[in-house]
Amino acid sequence: MALTPLNELAVFIAVARHKSFTRAAKELGVSTSAVSHTVRLLEERAGGALLSRTTRSVSLTDMGQRLLERAGPGLEAALSALDHLSADTSEVTGTLRLSVPVTSISTVLEPVLPRFMQEHPHVRVEVRVSDRFVNIVQEGLDAGIRLSESVERDMVQVRLTPPFRFVIVGSPAYLKKRGTPTRPEDLEHHDCISFRAPTTGLLYHWELERGRRELRVPVKGPLVADHAQFMLRMAMAGVGLAYLAEIEAEPALRSGAVRAVMEDWAPSVPGLFLYYPHRARASPPLRAFINLARKVLPVK
């Protein structure tokens, strides 16, 4: 069968999503050379390079990025529609690709995902867990979960959690040994578990708020990490104080494994939101996930 522009687009999007000709070929069930040849044909049709290739990596050119953003959502929707028609019309089929932060594992995914997969056995779910900011269009994903403040304005947002606070926590043993901080300046004399932002590589300054007063406090201590659950466990072990989303620390707070301190300085955020591009209609698997999340999660 002769290659059509749609065939070529499908191959290009697979390469762009995987950032690899080899992995794209494996997904498509063809040879790597066939994938490379198809991309070259599409580049000839487009009149310029869509991908930058080195011996170690594949990345999108500006032209390739524009093509992915404009054509990717539509093609994914078309393929999803074909998958949907190939099965019983009452069943949701296809693939759901999500980018999620660590905080959403216990608060969103654990309550929703097992039931979703049970109710929709013909949907394949791919979850990428990272606190790094991800361009879901460039990465070929259907949706992401983030704090509202971290979502671009041109995205559709769906609330998944109520508003919550960020709190400073420490184990009873640590607080008995080192004392309980009550003011931002007290943190200078404490061992604080620092968070290194995966996106920027910079150490995160703890954000504190009381009334109209807002502070960003640089903290220091013997441990630096980039994973919230690990930081919580280290706080429980008495290593130092940790700054975490209250919804993530809630089980440890409830059990008494850690205690919140300086609560009058704890800032609130609107909550976690699922987001996807305005220009892309939600796929059937994504719509099904959103509908179930609204039923399962305690969102007002």
Protein backbone atom coordinates (compact mmCIF):
# COMPACT_ATOMS: atom_id res chain seq x y z
CA MET A 1 0.00 0.00 0.00
CA ALA A 2 1.32 3.41 -0.92
CA LEU A 3 2.17 5.77 1.89
CA THR A 4 -0.28 8.62 2.41
CA PRO A 5 0.30 11.87 4.33
CA LEU A 6 -1.72 10.42 7.22
CA ASN A 7 0.48 7.31 7.31
CA GLU A 8 3.55 9.49 7.34
CA LEU A 9 2.11 11.68 10.10
CA ALA A 10 1.37 8.64 12.25
CA VAL A 11 4.97 7.47 11.92
CA PHE A 12 6.34 10.95 12.64
CA ILE A 13 4.18 11.30 15.77
CA ALA A 14 5.36 7.91 17.04
CA VAL A 15 8.99 8.99 16.63
CA ALA A 16 8.28 12.35 18.28
CA ARG A 17 6.54 10.69 21.22
CA HIS A 18 9.30 8.14 21.84
CA LYS A 19 12.19 10.41 20.74
CA SER A 20 13.56 7.27 19.12
CA PHE A 21 13.29 5.69 15.67
CA THR A 22 13.92 2.24 17.17
CA ARG A 23 11.16 2.44 19.78
CA ALA A 24 8.74 3.93 17.26
CA ALA A 25 9.47 1.07 14.87
CA LYS A 26 8.81 -1.45 17.65
CA GLU A 27 5.46 0.17 18.45
CA LEU A 28 4.45 0.26 14.78
CA GLY A 29 5.70 -3.25 14.01
CA VAL A 30 7.99 -2.21 11.17
CA SER A 31 11.73 -1.86 10.64
CA THR A 32 13.74 1.12 11.82
CA SER A 33 14.81 1.79 8.25
CA ALA A 34 11.15 1.92 7.16
CA VAL A 35 10.43 4.48 9.87
CA SER A 36 13.43 6.58 8.84
CA HIS A 37 12.40 6.42 5.18
CA THR A 38 8.83 7.46 5.99
CA VAL A 39 9.99 10.45 8.04
CA ARG A 40 12.25 11.54 5.17
CA LEU A 41 9.27 11.41 2.79
CA LEU A 42 7.23 13.56 5.17
CA GLU A 43 10.11 16.05 5.50
CA GLU A 44 10.26 16.29 1.70
CA ARG A 45 6.53 16.91 1.64
CA ALA A 46 6.86 19.56 4.41
CA GLY A 47 9.86 21.22 2.76
CA GLY A 48 12.17 21.10 5.77
CA ALA A 49 13.62 19.03 8.62
CA LEU A 50 11.11 17.92 11.26
CA LEU A 51 13.55 16.04 13.47
CA SER A 52 17.13 16.65 14.57
CA ARG A 53 19.05 13.40 14.67
CA THR A 54 22.33 12.57 16.40
CA THR A 55 23.86 9.22 17.23
CA ARG A 56 22.41 9.49 20.74
CA SER A 57 19.20 11.46 20.53
CA VAL A 58 16.25 12.57 18.44
CA SER A 59 14.56 15.94 19.02
CA LEU A 60 12.00 18.10 17.27
CA THR A 61 12.95 21.07 15.12
CA ASP A 62 10.79 24.20 15.33
CA MET A 63 8.93 23.03 12.22
CA GLY A 64 8.47 19.58 13.75
CA GLN A 65 7.17 21.06 16.98
CA ARG A 66 4.60 23.13 15.09
CA LEU A 67 3.48 20.10 13.11
CA LEU A 68 3.14 17.99 16.25
CA GLU A 69 1.09 20.64 18.05
CA ARG A 70 -1.25 21.18 15.11
CA ALA A 71 -1.63 17.66 13.73
CA GLY A 72 -0.97 15.43 16.72
CA PRO A 73 -4.23 15.89 18.67
CA GLY A 74 -6.38 15.47 15.56
CA LEU A 75 -4.62 12.33 14.41
CA GLU A 76 -4.74 10.82 17.90
CA ALA A 77 -8.47 11.54 18.02
CA ALA A 78 -8.97 9.92 14.60
CA LEU A 79 -7.04 6.80 15.59
CA SER A 80 -8.95 6.62 18.86
CA ALA A 81 -12.20 6.83 16.90
CA LEU A 82 -11.12 3.91 14.73
CA ASP A 83 -10.21 1.88 17.81
CA HIS A 84 -13.58 2.71 19.28
CA LEU A 85 -15.44 1.53 16.18
CA SER A 86 -13.47 -1.72 16.06
CA ALA A 87 -14.90 -2.77 19.42
CA ASP A 88 -18.38 -2.86 20.85
CA THR A 89 -19.70 0.69 20.81
CA SER A 90 -20.53 0.47 24.53
CA GLU A 91 -16.86 -0.09 25.37
CA VAL A 92 -14.17 2.57 25.72
CA THR A 93 -10.97 1.60 23.90
CA GLY A 94 -7.62 3.15 23.12
CA THR A 95 -4.71 4.50 25.14
CA LEU A 96 -4.62 7.05 27.95
CA ARG A 97 -1.24 8.72 28.51
CA LEU A 98 -0.84 10.85 31.64
CA SER A 99 1.95 12.93 33.17
CA VAL A 100 1.50 13.16 36.94
CA PRO A 101 3.43 14.48 39.95
CA VAL A 102 4.32 12.32 42.94
CA THR A 103 1.66 14.02 45.08
CA SER A 104 -1.12 12.71 42.84
CA ILE A 105 -0.25 9.02 43.37
CA SER A 106 -2.00 8.63 46.72
CA THR A 107 -4.51 11.44 46.27
CA VAL A 108 -5.77 10.79 42.72
CA LEU A 109 -4.36 7.69 41.05
CA GLU A 110 -4.76 5.17 43.87
CA PRO A 111 -8.47 5.98 44.38
CA VAL A 112 -9.31 6.26 40.66
CA LEU A 113 -7.01 4.18 38.47
CA PRO A 114 -7.74 0.61 39.71
CA ARG A 115 -11.49 1.16 39.32
CA PHE A 116 -10.98 2.85 35.94
CA MET A 117 -9.01 -0.13 34.63
CA GLN A 118 -11.59 -2.54 35.99
CA GLU A 119 -14.44 -0.66 34.32
CA HIS A 120 -12.54 -0.11 31.05
CA PRO A 121 -10.47 -3.26 30.41
CA HIS A 122 -9.86 -2.32 26.75
CA VAL A 123 -8.01 0.89 27.64
CA ARG A 124 -4.24 0.81 27.98
CA VAL A 125 -2.95 3.34 30.51
CA GLU A 126 0.54 4.83 30.47
CA VAL A 127 1.48 6.91 33.51
CA ARG A 128 4.68 8.93 33.72
CA VAL A 129 5.40 10.00 37.31
CA SER A 130 7.66 13.03 37.63
CA ASP A 131 7.65 16.38 39.40
CA ARG A 132 9.37 17.81 36.31
CA PHE A 133 7.23 20.22 34.29
CA VAL A 134 6.25 18.37 31.11
CA ASN A 135 5.03 19.74 27.77
CA ILE A 136 2.26 17.19 27.25
CA VAL A 137 1.80 18.13 23.59
CA GLN A 138 5.49 17.74 22.80
CA GLU A 139 5.66 14.48 24.75
CA GLY A 140 2.63 13.05 22.95
CA LEU A 141 0.52 12.74 26.11
CA ASP A 142 -3.24 13.09 26.51
CA ALA A 143 -3.28 15.02 29.78
CA GLY A 144 -1.34 15.98 32.86
CA ILE A 145 -2.00 16.59 36.54
CA ARG A 146 -0.48 19.62 38.26
CA LEU A 147 -1.16 22.47 40.63
CA SER A 148 -3.37 25.04 38.90
CA GLU A 149 -0.65 27.69 39.08
CA SER A 150 1.66 25.46 37.02
CA VAL A 151 -0.78 24.92 34.12
CA GLU A 152 -0.59 27.04 30.97
CA ARG A 153 -3.56 29.33 30.40
CA ASP A 154 -4.49 27.73 27.07
CA MET A 155 -5.32 24.41 28.72
CA VAL A 156 -8.67 22.98 29.78
CA GLN A 157 -8.54 22.41 33.55
CA VAL A 158 -10.59 19.90 35.56
CA ARG A 159 -10.42 20.05 39.35
CA LEU A 160 -9.39 16.78 41.02
CA THR A 161 -8.87 17.80 44.66
CA PRO A 162 -10.15 20.49 47.00
CA PRO A 163 -7.75 23.29 47.93
CA PHE A 164 -5.04 22.23 50.37
CA ARG A 165 -2.09 23.62 52.31
CA PHE A 166 1.63 23.07 52.21
CA VAL A 167 2.88 22.33 55.71
CA ILE A 168 6.19 21.89 57.52
CA VAL A 169 6.37 18.56 59.34
CA GLY A 170 8.78 16.87 61.71
CA SER A 171 8.80 13.71 63.80
CA PRO A 172 8.03 13.92 67.52
CA ALA A 173 11.55 12.67 68.26
CA TYR A 174 13.17 15.36 66.12
CA LEU A 175 11.02 18.12 67.64
CA LYS A 176 11.77 16.92 71.17
CA LYS A 177 15.49 16.97 70.44
CA ARG A 178 15.71 20.20 68.42
CA GLY A 179 12.68 22.16 69.55
CA THR A 180 9.64 23.37 67.65
CA PRO A 181 10.08 26.30 65.24
CA THR A 182 7.42 28.99 65.51
CA ARG A 183 8.80 31.73 63.23
CA PRO A 184 10.41 31.69 59.76
CA GLU A 185 13.75 32.81 61.21
CA ASP A 186 13.77 29.73 63.49
CA LEU A 187 14.25 27.51 60.41
CA GLU A 188 17.82 28.76 60.12
CA HIS A 189 18.66 26.67 63.19
CA HIS A 190 16.99 23.47 62.01
CA ASP A 191 17.90 20.58 59.74
CA CYS A 192 15.60 21.02 56.76
CA ILE A 193 15.18 18.41 54.03
CA SER A 194 15.67 20.42 50.85
CA PHE A 195 13.83 19.79 47.60
CA ARG A 196 15.73 20.09 44.32
CA ALA A 197 13.34 20.98 41.50
CA PRO A 198 13.68 18.39 38.70
CA THR A 199 12.86 20.96 36.01
CA THR A 200 15.39 23.66 36.96
CA GLY A 201 17.83 21.76 39.17
CA LEU A 202 17.56 24.57 41.73
CA LEU A 203 16.91 24.17 45.44
CA TYR A 204 13.35 25.11 46.32
CA HIS A 205 12.79 27.97 48.75
CA TRP A 206 9.99 27.18 51.19
CA GLU A 207 7.01 29.43 50.51
CA LEU A 208 5.35 30.74 53.69
CA GLU A 209 2.33 32.96 54.06
CA ARG A 210 0.54 34.65 56.94
CA GLY A 211 -2.12 37.21 56.17
CA ARG A 212 -0.72 39.46 53.47
CA ARG A 213 2.87 38.60 54.29
CA GLU A 214 4.52 36.15 51.89
CA LEU A 215 8.06 34.80 52.28
CA ARG A 216 10.35 32.52 50.29
CA VAL A 217 12.78 31.03 52.78
CA PRO A 218 16.04 29.37 51.66
CA VAL A 219 16.60 26.41 53.95
CA LYS A 220 19.54 24.11 54.53
CA GLY A 221 20.17 20.71 56.02
CA PRO A 222 21.96 17.39 55.61
CA LEU A 223 19.64 15.96 52.94
CA VAL A 224 18.51 17.05 49.47
CA ALA A 225 15.91 15.04 47.50
CA ASP A 226 13.51 15.37 44.57
CA HIS A 227 10.79 12.96 45.70
CA ALA A 228 8.06 14.00 48.15
CA GLN A 229 7.30 10.55 49.56
CA PHE A 230 10.98 9.95 50.26
CA MET A 231 11.20 13.32 52.01
CA LEU A 232 8.17 12.42 54.15
CA ARG A 233 9.72 9.11 55.14
CA MET A 234 12.96 10.81 56.08
CA ALA A 235 11.04 13.31 58.20
CA MET A 236 9.27 10.40 59.90
CA ALA A 237 12.70 8.88 60.60
CA GLY A 238 13.80 12.06 62.37
CA VAL A 239 16.27 13.29 59.75
CA GLY A 240 14.80 16.79 59.76
CA LEU A 241 11.87 18.99 58.83
CA ALA A 242 10.13 18.58 55.47
CA TYR A 243 7.86 20.92 53.48
CA LEU A 244 5.04 18.92 51.86
CA ALA A 245 1.50 19.04 50.53
CA GLU A 246 -0.78 18.39 53.50
CA ILE A 247 -2.86 15.89 51.49
CA GLU A 248 0.29 13.83 50.99
CA ALA A 249 1.41 14.01 54.62
CA GLU A 250 -2.11 13.44 56.00
CA PRO A 251 -1.76 9.70 56.87
CA ALA A 252 1.49 10.37 58.76
CA LEU A 253 -0.06 13.37 60.49
CA ARG A 254 -3.12 11.36 61.47
CA SER A 255 -1.02 8.53 62.90
CA GLY A 256 1.24 10.91 64.80
CA ALA A 257 4.36 9.83 62.89
CA VAL A 258 4.94 13.51 62.14
CA ARG A 259 3.51 16.77 63.48
CA ALA A 260 2.83 19.97 61.59
CA VAL A 261 4.64 23.08 62.86
CA MET A 262 4.25 26.80 62.07
CA GLU A 263 0.72 26.14 60.80
CA ASP A 264 -0.08 29.84 60.93
CA TRP A 265 2.47 30.22 58.11
CA ALA A 266 1.09 27.39 55.94
CA PRO A 267 0.11 28.66 52.45
CA SER A 268 -2.96 27.35 50.63
CA VAL A 269 -3.16 26.38 46.94
CA PRO A 270 -6.28 25.84 44.79
CA GLY A 271 -5.62 22.09 44.46
CA LEU A 272 -4.60 19.55 41.82
CA PHE A 273 -6.09 19.82 38.35
CA LEU A 274 -6.12 17.56 35.31
CA TYR A 275 -5.38 19.54 32.16
CA TYR A 276 -5.29 19.03 28.39
CA PRO A 277 -5.08 21.34 25.33
CA HIS A 278 -8.10 23.46 24.42
CA ARG A 279 -7.62 22.66 20.75
CA ALA A 280 -7.73 18.89 21.34
CA ARG A 281 -11.02 17.26 22.20
CA ALA A 282 -10.69 14.85 25.09
CA SER A 283 -10.33 11.28 23.81
CA PRO A 284 -12.89 8.67 24.93
CA PRO A 285 -10.45 7.18 27.50
CA LEU A 286 -9.69 10.65 28.88
CA ARG A 287 -13.38 11.55 29.07
CA ALA A 288 -14.06 8.28 30.89
CA PHE A 289 -11.22 8.98 33.34
CA ILE A 290 -12.53 12.49 34.05
CA ASN A 291 -16.09 11.24 34.59
CA LEU A 292 -14.94 8.55 37.02
CA ALA A 293 -12.62 10.94 38.88
CA ARG A 294 -15.54 13.29 39.44
CA LYS A 295 -17.51 10.43 40.98
CA VAL A 296 -14.72 9.00 43.14
CA LEU A 297 -12.81 12.04 44.38
CA PRO A 298 -14.14 14.34 47.11
CA VAL A 299 -14.26 17.44 44.94
CA LYS A 300 -16.90 20.07 45.61
